[in-house]
């Protein structure tokens, strides 16, 4: 099991203690809608398989200052009561600054962005707002695991 899945189980237990829960997983149809929306609004980008796996476990996350973007509400079949930061919608906001168009953003915290540098195909944790590289990761899995670990401490 990927480390992030174990960390997500810990977060789920904490959420349940406070009468909350993780967001519902998304369906394959909703993932397909997301892929089409990305290509239409953000350009050609293949979502990392592990990000898709994450979405099929929980549609985004908002925990202890960490936000991992989910499938945009307008693409969900059942979005009753869903409040989340959508992948396409949030990337469009970050891309209003030209220098940020070199990244695809998967999440952020109070102090960092978690993203993919498109040219070099590497996952990064960037300082917010300077954009300096804090850490580089070899996969989405390791970046997500680090982000969740940080949110849990």
N, C-alpha and C. Protein backbone atom coordinates (compact mmCIF):
# COMPACT_ATOMS: atom_id res chain seq x y z
N UNK A 1 0.85 -1.18 0.00
CA UNK A 1 0.00 0.00 0.00
C UNK A 1 0.89 1.24 0.00
N UNK A 2 0.53 2.21 -0.84
CA UNK A 2 1.28 3.47 -0.90
C UNK A 2 1.22 4.15 0.47
N UNK A 3 2.30 4.81 0.82
CA UNK A 3 2.37 5.47 2.14
C UNK A 3 1.23 6.47 2.32
N UNK A 4 0.88 7.20 1.26
CA UNK A 4 -0.18 8.21 1.41
C UNK A 4 -1.51 7.58 1.80
N UNK A 5 -1.74 6.32 1.39
CA UNK A 5 -2.99 5.66 1.74
C UNK A 5 -3.06 5.41 3.24
N UNK A 6 -1.93 5.02 3.84
CA UNK A 6 -1.87 4.81 5.29
C UNK A 6 -2.07 6.13 6.02
N UNK A 7 -1.47 7.20 5.52
CA UNK A 7 -1.61 8.52 6.13
C UNK A 7 -3.06 9.02 6.02
N UNK A 8 -3.69 8.72 4.89
CA UNK A 8 -5.09 9.11 4.70
C UNK A 8 -6.00 8.39 5.69
N UNK A 9 -5.67 7.15 6.01
CA UNK A 9 -6.44 6.40 7.02
C UNK A 9 -6.33 7.10 8.38
N UNK A 10 -5.12 7.56 8.72
CA UNK A 10 -4.92 8.31 9.97
C UNK A 10 -5.76 9.58 9.98
N UNK A 11 -5.75 10.31 8.87
CA UNK A 11 -6.53 11.55 8.76
C UNK A 11 -8.02 11.24 8.89
N UNK A 12 -8.45 10.16 8.27
CA UNK A 12 -9.86 9.75 8.35
C UNK A 12 -10.27 9.52 9.80
N UNK A 13 -9.41 8.85 10.57
CA UNK A 13 -9.70 8.58 11.99
C UNK A 13 -9.82 9.88 12.77
N UNK A 14 -8.94 10.83 12.49
CA UNK A 14 -8.98 12.13 13.17
C UNK A 14 -10.27 12.87 12.80
N UNK A 15 -10.60 12.87 11.52
CA UNK A 15 -11.83 13.54 11.06
C UNK A 15 -13.05 12.94 11.75
N UNK A 16 -13.10 11.61 11.84
CA UNK A 16 -14.26 10.93 12.45
C UNK A 16 -14.39 11.26 13.93
N UNK A 17 -13.25 11.47 14.60
CA UNK A 17 -13.28 11.85 16.02
C UNK A 17 -14.02 13.16 16.22
N UNK A 18 -13.96 14.03 15.22
CA UNK A 18 -14.60 15.34 15.30
C UNK A 18 -15.91 15.40 14.53
N UNK A 19 -16.46 14.22 14.23
CA UNK A 19 -17.76 14.14 13.56
C UNK A 19 -17.73 14.51 12.09
N UNK A 20 -16.56 14.46 11.49
CA UNK A 20 -16.43 14.78 10.07
C UNK A 20 -15.99 13.53 9.32
N UNK A 21 -15.79 13.65 8.04
CA UNK A 21 -15.34 12.49 7.26
C UNK A 21 -14.58 12.97 6.03
N UNK A 22 -13.94 12.02 5.37
CA UNK A 22 -13.29 12.34 4.10
C UNK A 22 -14.37 12.52 3.04
N UNK A 23 -14.01 13.20 1.98
CA UNK A 23 -14.96 13.38 0.87
C UNK A 23 -15.17 12.05 0.15
N UNK A 24 -16.31 11.93 -0.48
CA UNK A 24 -16.62 10.72 -1.25
C UNK A 24 -15.64 10.56 -2.41
N UNK A 25 -15.33 9.32 -2.75
CA UNK A 25 -14.48 9.08 -3.93
C UNK A 25 -15.23 9.47 -5.21
N UNK A 26 -14.48 9.71 -6.28
CA UNK A 26 -15.11 10.03 -7.56
C UNK A 26 -15.19 8.78 -8.43
N UNK A 27 -16.02 8.85 -9.44
CA UNK A 27 -16.22 7.72 -10.34
C UNK A 27 -15.31 7.85 -11.57
N UNK A 28 -15.21 6.78 -12.33
CA UNK A 28 -14.44 6.80 -13.58
C UNK A 28 -15.01 7.83 -14.55
N UNK A 29 -16.34 7.97 -14.57
CA UNK A 29 -16.99 8.94 -15.45
C UNK A 29 -16.56 10.36 -15.05
N UNK A 30 -16.53 10.63 -13.76
CA UNK A 30 -16.13 11.96 -13.29
C UNK A 30 -14.65 12.23 -13.58
N UNK A 31 -13.81 11.20 -13.51
CA UNK A 31 -12.39 11.34 -13.87
C UNK A 31 -12.28 11.68 -15.36
N UNK A 32 -13.08 11.01 -16.20
CA UNK A 32 -13.07 11.29 -17.64
C UNK A 32 -13.50 12.73 -17.91
N UNK A 33 -14.53 13.19 -17.21
CA UNK A 33 -14.98 14.58 -17.37
C UNK A 33 -13.85 15.55 -16.97
N UNK A 34 -13.14 15.21 -15.88
CA UNK A 34 -12.03 16.05 -15.44
C UNK A 34 -10.94 16.11 -16.52
N UNK A 35 -10.58 14.96 -17.08
CA UNK A 35 -9.55 14.91 -18.12
C UNK A 35 -9.94 15.80 -19.31
N UNK A 36 -11.19 15.72 -19.74
CA UNK A 36 -11.66 16.53 -20.87
C UNK A 36 -11.61 18.01 -20.53
N UNK A 37 -12.04 18.36 -19.32
CA UNK A 37 -12.04 19.75 -18.88
C UNK A 37 -10.62 20.31 -18.81
N UNK A 38 -9.68 19.48 -18.35
CA UNK A 38 -8.27 19.91 -18.28
C UNK A 38 -7.76 20.21 -19.69
N UNK A 39 -8.01 19.29 -20.62
CA UNK A 39 -7.51 19.49 -21.99
C UNK A 39 -8.13 20.73 -22.63
N UNK A 40 -9.38 20.96 -22.33
CA UNK A 40 -10.07 22.11 -22.91
C UNK A 40 -9.57 23.43 -22.31
N UNK A 41 -9.33 23.46 -21.00
CA UNK A 41 -9.04 24.73 -20.32
C UNK A 41 -7.58 24.94 -19.93
N UNK A 42 -6.82 23.85 -19.81
CA UNK A 42 -5.44 23.99 -19.33
C UNK A 42 -4.40 23.44 -20.30
N UNK A 43 -4.83 22.71 -21.29
CA UNK A 43 -3.88 22.13 -22.25
C UNK A 43 -3.68 20.65 -22.01
N UNK A 44 -2.82 20.07 -22.81
CA UNK A 44 -2.58 18.63 -22.74
C UNK A 44 -1.82 18.29 -21.46
N UNK A 45 -2.43 17.48 -20.65
CA UNK A 45 -1.80 17.03 -19.42
C UNK A 45 -2.38 15.68 -19.06
N UNK A 46 -1.52 14.73 -18.83
CA UNK A 46 -1.95 13.42 -18.39
C UNK A 46 -1.85 13.41 -16.87
N UNK A 47 -2.97 13.20 -16.20
CA UNK A 47 -2.95 13.16 -14.74
C UNK A 47 -2.15 11.95 -14.27
N UNK A 48 -1.31 12.13 -13.25
CA UNK A 48 -0.58 10.98 -12.71
C UNK A 48 -1.57 9.91 -12.20
N UNK A 49 -1.26 8.66 -12.47
CA UNK A 49 -2.13 7.56 -12.05
C UNK A 49 -2.39 7.61 -10.55
N UNK A 50 -1.37 7.95 -9.78
CA UNK A 50 -1.55 7.97 -8.32
C UNK A 50 -2.45 9.12 -7.87
N UNK A 51 -2.51 10.23 -8.64
CA UNK A 51 -3.46 11.30 -8.31
C UNK A 51 -4.88 10.81 -8.58
N UNK A 52 -5.06 10.10 -9.69
CA UNK A 52 -6.36 9.51 -10.00
C UNK A 52 -6.75 8.52 -8.89
N UNK A 53 -5.79 7.71 -8.44
CA UNK A 53 -6.05 6.77 -7.33
C UNK A 53 -6.49 7.52 -6.08
N UNK A 54 -5.82 8.65 -5.82
CA UNK A 54 -6.20 9.47 -4.66
C UNK A 54 -7.65 9.94 -4.80
N UNK A 55 -8.01 10.45 -5.98
CA UNK A 55 -9.38 10.94 -6.20
C UNK A 55 -10.40 9.83 -6.06
N UNK A 56 -10.00 8.61 -6.41
CA UNK A 56 -10.92 7.47 -6.27
C UNK A 56 -11.01 7.00 -4.82
N UNK A 57 -10.16 7.57 -3.96
CA UNK A 57 -10.21 7.29 -2.52
C UNK A 57 -10.95 8.42 -1.80
N UNK A 58 -10.63 9.66 -2.18
CA UNK A 58 -11.27 10.85 -1.60
C UNK A 58 -11.18 11.98 -2.63
N UNK A 59 -12.28 12.65 -2.88
CA UNK A 59 -12.28 13.73 -3.85
C UNK A 59 -11.72 15.01 -3.22
N UNK A 60 -10.40 15.05 -3.14
CA UNK A 60 -9.75 16.20 -2.55
C UNK A 60 -9.70 16.09 -1.03
N UNK A 61 -9.01 17.05 -0.44
CA UNK A 61 -8.81 17.02 1.01
C UNK A 61 -8.60 18.44 1.50
N UNK A 62 -9.15 18.74 2.65
CA UNK A 62 -8.90 20.01 3.33
C UNK A 62 -8.69 19.64 4.79
N UNK A 63 -7.42 19.56 5.20
CA UNK A 63 -7.09 19.06 6.54
C UNK A 63 -5.91 19.83 7.11
N UNK A 64 -6.12 20.47 8.24
CA UNK A 64 -5.04 21.11 9.00
C UNK A 64 -4.16 22.03 8.13
N UNK A 65 -4.80 22.81 7.27
CA UNK A 65 -4.07 23.77 6.44
C UNK A 65 -3.63 23.24 5.09
N UNK A 66 -3.74 21.93 4.88
CA UNK A 66 -3.39 21.34 3.58
C UNK A 66 -4.65 21.16 2.74
N UNK A 67 -4.58 21.62 1.50
CA UNK A 67 -5.68 21.42 0.56
C UNK A 67 -5.13 20.64 -0.63
N UNK A 68 -5.74 19.50 -0.93
CA UNK A 68 -5.43 18.75 -2.14
C UNK A 68 -6.67 18.91 -3.02
N UNK A 69 -6.45 19.40 -4.25
CA UNK A 69 -7.57 19.72 -5.12
C UNK A 69 -8.28 18.46 -5.59
N UNK A 70 -9.61 18.59 -5.74
CA UNK A 70 -10.42 17.48 -6.19
C UNK A 70 -11.01 17.76 -7.57
N UNK A 71 -11.91 16.89 -7.99
CA UNK A 71 -12.64 17.09 -9.24
C UNK A 71 -13.59 18.26 -9.01
N UNK A 72 -13.57 19.21 -9.94
CA UNK A 72 -14.39 20.41 -9.80
C UNK A 72 -15.86 20.06 -9.62
N UNK A 73 -16.54 20.83 -8.76
CA UNK A 73 -17.94 20.55 -8.41
C UNK A 73 -18.83 20.45 -9.64
N UNK A 74 -18.60 21.32 -10.64
CA UNK A 74 -19.47 21.29 -11.83
C UNK A 74 -19.32 20.01 -12.66
N UNK A 75 -18.29 19.20 -12.37
CA UNK A 75 -18.08 17.95 -13.11
C UNK A 75 -18.61 16.73 -12.35
N UNK A 76 -19.05 16.95 -11.12
CA UNK A 76 -19.54 15.83 -10.31
C UNK A 76 -20.99 15.52 -10.62
N UNK A 77 -21.32 14.22 -10.63
CA UNK A 77 -22.70 13.81 -10.86
C UNK A 77 -23.58 14.19 -9.67
N UNK A 78 -23.03 14.05 -8.46
CA UNK A 78 -23.78 14.37 -7.25
C UNK A 78 -22.90 15.30 -6.42
N UNK A 79 -23.18 16.59 -6.48
CA UNK A 79 -22.35 17.55 -5.76
C UNK A 79 -23.10 18.22 -4.62
N UNK A 80 -24.15 17.57 -4.17
CA UNK A 80 -24.95 18.08 -3.06
C UNK A 80 -24.05 18.35 -1.84
N UNK A 81 -23.99 19.58 -1.44
CA UNK A 81 -23.25 19.93 -0.22
C UNK A 81 -21.73 19.89 -0.35
N UNK A 82 -21.20 19.66 -1.54
CA UNK A 82 -19.74 19.58 -1.71
C UNK A 82 -19.14 20.99 -1.77
N UNK A 83 -18.21 21.24 -0.90
CA UNK A 83 -17.43 22.47 -0.97
C UNK A 83 -15.99 22.04 -1.09
N UNK A 84 -15.40 22.31 -2.24
CA UNK A 84 -14.01 21.90 -2.43
C UNK A 84 -13.34 22.80 -3.43
N UNK A 85 -12.01 22.77 -3.41
CA UNK A 85 -11.25 23.50 -4.41
C UNK A 85 -11.00 22.54 -5.56
N UNK A 86 -11.56 22.87 -6.71
CA UNK A 86 -11.46 22.01 -7.87
C UNK A 86 -10.13 22.17 -8.59
N UNK A 87 -9.66 21.10 -9.19
CA UNK A 87 -8.36 21.08 -9.88
C UNK A 87 -8.30 22.13 -11.00
N UNK A 88 -9.27 22.13 -11.90
CA UNK A 88 -9.24 23.03 -13.05
C UNK A 88 -9.43 24.48 -12.60
N UNK A 89 -10.44 24.70 -11.78
CA UNK A 89 -10.75 26.05 -11.30
C UNK A 89 -9.55 26.67 -10.57
N UNK A 90 -8.90 25.92 -9.71
CA UNK A 90 -7.78 26.45 -8.93
C UNK A 90 -6.55 26.67 -9.81
N UNK A 91 -6.27 25.75 -10.73
CA UNK A 91 -5.14 25.96 -11.64
C UNK A 91 -5.34 27.19 -12.52
N UNK A 92 -6.57 27.43 -12.94
CA UNK A 92 -6.84 28.64 -13.74
C UNK A 92 -6.50 29.89 -12.93
N UNK A 93 -6.80 29.89 -11.65
CA UNK A 93 -6.47 31.03 -10.78
C UNK A 93 -4.96 31.19 -10.67
N UNK A 94 -4.24 30.10 -10.38
CA UNK A 94 -2.78 30.19 -10.24
C UNK A 94 -2.14 30.60 -11.56
N UNK A 95 -2.71 30.19 -12.69
CA UNK A 95 -2.13 30.50 -14.00
C UNK A 95 -2.37 31.95 -14.44
N UNK A 96 -3.09 32.72 -13.64
CA UNK A 96 -3.23 34.15 -13.94
C UNK A 96 -1.87 34.85 -13.86
N UNK A 97 -0.95 34.31 -13.06
CA UNK A 97 0.43 34.80 -13.02
C UNK A 97 1.22 34.00 -14.05
N UNK A 98 1.80 34.68 -15.03
CA UNK A 98 2.48 33.99 -16.12
C UNK A 98 3.55 33.00 -15.67
N UNK A 99 4.36 33.36 -14.67
CA UNK A 99 5.45 32.47 -14.26
C UNK A 99 4.93 31.16 -13.69
N UNK A 100 3.67 31.15 -13.23
CA UNK A 100 3.11 29.93 -12.65
C UNK A 100 2.56 28.96 -13.69
N UNK A 101 2.51 29.39 -14.96
CA UNK A 101 1.99 28.52 -16.02
C UNK A 101 2.92 27.34 -16.30
N UNK A 102 4.14 27.39 -15.78
CA UNK A 102 5.06 26.27 -15.98
C UNK A 102 4.75 25.10 -15.03
N UNK A 103 3.77 25.28 -14.17
CA UNK A 103 3.41 24.26 -13.18
C UNK A 103 1.95 23.83 -13.32
N UNK A 104 1.70 22.59 -12.93
CA UNK A 104 0.34 22.12 -12.74
C UNK A 104 0.22 21.88 -11.24
N UNK A 105 -0.73 22.55 -10.61
CA UNK A 105 -0.86 22.53 -9.15
C UNK A 105 -1.85 21.47 -8.70
N UNK A 106 -1.43 20.69 -7.71
CA UNK A 106 -2.27 19.63 -7.16
C UNK A 106 -2.80 19.96 -5.77
N UNK A 107 -2.15 20.93 -5.11
CA UNK A 107 -2.59 21.30 -3.77
C UNK A 107 -1.73 22.42 -3.22
N UNK A 108 -2.13 22.90 -2.04
CA UNK A 108 -1.34 23.94 -1.39
C UNK A 108 -1.60 23.91 0.11
N UNK A 109 -0.72 24.61 0.81
CA UNK A 109 -0.88 24.78 2.25
C UNK A 109 -0.67 26.26 2.55
N UNK A 110 -0.59 26.61 3.82
CA UNK A 110 -0.36 28.00 4.18
C UNK A 110 0.98 28.50 3.64
N UNK A 111 1.95 27.60 3.52
CA UNK A 111 3.31 28.01 3.17
C UNK A 111 3.85 27.43 1.86
N UNK A 112 3.09 26.53 1.21
CA UNK A 112 3.67 25.83 0.05
C UNK A 112 2.62 25.49 -1.00
N UNK A 113 3.12 25.31 -2.23
CA UNK A 113 2.34 24.74 -3.33
C UNK A 113 2.91 23.36 -3.62
N UNK A 114 2.07 22.42 -3.99
CA UNK A 114 2.49 21.08 -4.40
C UNK A 114 2.13 20.96 -5.87
N UNK A 115 3.15 20.77 -6.72
CA UNK A 115 2.89 20.88 -8.15
C UNK A 115 3.82 20.00 -8.99
N UNK A 116 3.53 19.99 -10.28
CA UNK A 116 4.35 19.31 -11.27
C UNK A 116 4.95 20.38 -12.16
N UNK A 117 6.28 20.40 -12.27
CA UNK A 117 6.96 21.30 -13.20
C UNK A 117 6.86 20.65 -14.57
N UNK A 118 6.12 21.27 -15.47
CA UNK A 118 5.76 20.63 -16.74
C UNK A 118 6.97 20.35 -17.62
N UNK A 119 7.91 21.29 -17.76
CA UNK A 119 9.08 21.12 -18.63
C UNK A 119 9.95 19.95 -18.20
N UNK A 120 10.22 19.87 -16.90
CA UNK A 120 11.16 18.87 -16.39
C UNK A 120 10.45 17.62 -15.85
N UNK A 121 9.13 17.63 -15.87
CA UNK A 121 8.33 16.49 -15.39
C UNK A 121 8.78 16.04 -14.00
N UNK A 122 8.94 17.01 -13.10
CA UNK A 122 9.29 16.67 -11.71
C UNK A 122 8.30 17.32 -10.76
N UNK A 123 8.03 16.60 -9.70
CA UNK A 123 7.09 17.09 -8.70
C UNK A 123 7.85 17.92 -7.69
N UNK A 124 7.23 19.06 -7.30
CA UNK A 124 7.92 20.01 -6.44
C UNK A 124 7.01 20.52 -5.32
N UNK A 125 7.65 20.86 -4.22
CA UNK A 125 7.03 21.67 -3.19
C UNK A 125 7.67 23.03 -3.33
N UNK A 126 6.86 24.05 -3.61
CA UNK A 126 7.35 25.40 -3.81
C UNK A 126 6.95 26.28 -2.63
N UNK A 127 7.84 27.20 -2.27
CA UNK A 127 7.53 28.18 -1.25
C UNK A 127 6.44 29.11 -1.78
N UNK A 128 5.52 29.43 -0.92
CA UNK A 128 4.44 30.33 -1.28
C UNK A 128 4.70 31.64 -0.56
N UNK A 129 4.85 32.75 -1.14
CA UNK A 129 4.57 33.09 -2.51
C UNK A 129 5.81 33.23 -3.40
N UNK A 130 7.02 33.03 -2.88
CA UNK A 130 8.23 33.32 -3.67
C UNK A 130 8.40 32.38 -4.87
N UNK A 131 7.91 31.15 -4.75
CA UNK A 131 8.07 30.18 -5.83
C UNK A 131 9.39 29.44 -5.78
N UNK A 132 10.19 29.67 -4.74
CA UNK A 132 11.46 28.94 -4.58
C UNK A 132 11.18 27.47 -4.32
N UNK A 133 12.04 26.61 -4.85
CA UNK A 133 11.88 25.17 -4.64
C UNK A 133 12.28 24.82 -3.21
N UNK A 134 11.36 24.20 -2.49
CA UNK A 134 11.65 23.71 -1.14
C UNK A 134 12.17 22.28 -1.24
N UNK A 135 11.48 21.48 -2.07
CA UNK A 135 11.80 20.06 -2.16
C UNK A 135 11.37 19.53 -3.52
N UNK A 136 12.10 18.55 -4.02
CA UNK A 136 11.78 17.89 -5.27
C UNK A 136 11.43 16.43 -4.99
N UNK A 137 10.51 15.87 -5.73
CA UNK A 137 10.06 14.49 -5.51
C UNK A 137 10.12 13.71 -6.81
N UNK A 138 10.34 12.40 -6.71
CA UNK A 138 10.42 11.58 -7.91
C UNK A 138 9.06 11.09 -8.38
N UNK A 139 8.01 11.32 -7.58
CA UNK A 139 6.68 10.85 -7.98
C UNK A 139 5.60 11.65 -7.25
N UNK A 140 4.38 11.56 -7.79
CA UNK A 140 3.24 12.18 -7.11
C UNK A 140 3.05 11.52 -5.75
N UNK A 141 3.21 10.18 -5.71
CA UNK A 141 3.06 9.43 -4.44
C UNK A 141 3.91 10.02 -3.34
N UNK A 142 5.20 10.22 -3.63
CA UNK A 142 6.10 10.70 -2.57
C UNK A 142 5.77 12.15 -2.20
N UNK A 143 5.35 12.97 -3.17
CA UNK A 143 4.97 14.35 -2.86
C UNK A 143 3.73 14.37 -1.97
N UNK A 144 2.72 13.58 -2.32
CA UNK A 144 1.49 13.53 -1.54
C UNK A 144 1.76 12.99 -0.13
N UNK A 145 2.59 11.96 -0.04
CA UNK A 145 2.92 11.40 1.28
C UNK A 145 3.58 12.45 2.16
N UNK A 146 4.51 13.21 1.60
CA UNK A 146 5.19 14.27 2.36
C UNK A 146 4.20 15.34 2.79
N UNK A 147 3.30 15.74 1.91
CA UNK A 147 2.31 16.77 2.24
C UNK A 147 1.38 16.30 3.37
N UNK A 148 0.92 15.06 3.28
CA UNK A 148 0.02 14.52 4.32
C UNK A 148 0.76 14.38 5.64
N UNK A 149 2.01 13.93 5.59
CA UNK A 149 2.83 13.78 6.80
C UNK A 149 2.98 15.13 7.49
N UNK A 150 3.26 16.17 6.71
CA UNK A 150 3.41 17.51 7.25
C UNK A 150 2.11 17.98 7.91
N UNK A 151 0.97 17.71 7.26
CA UNK A 151 -0.32 18.12 7.80
C UNK A 151 -0.66 17.39 9.09
N UNK A 152 -0.14 16.19 9.25
CA UNK A 152 -0.41 15.40 10.46
C UNK A 152 0.45 15.81 11.65
N UNK A 153 1.54 16.55 11.41
CA UNK A 153 2.43 16.91 12.53
C UNK A 153 2.10 18.27 13.10
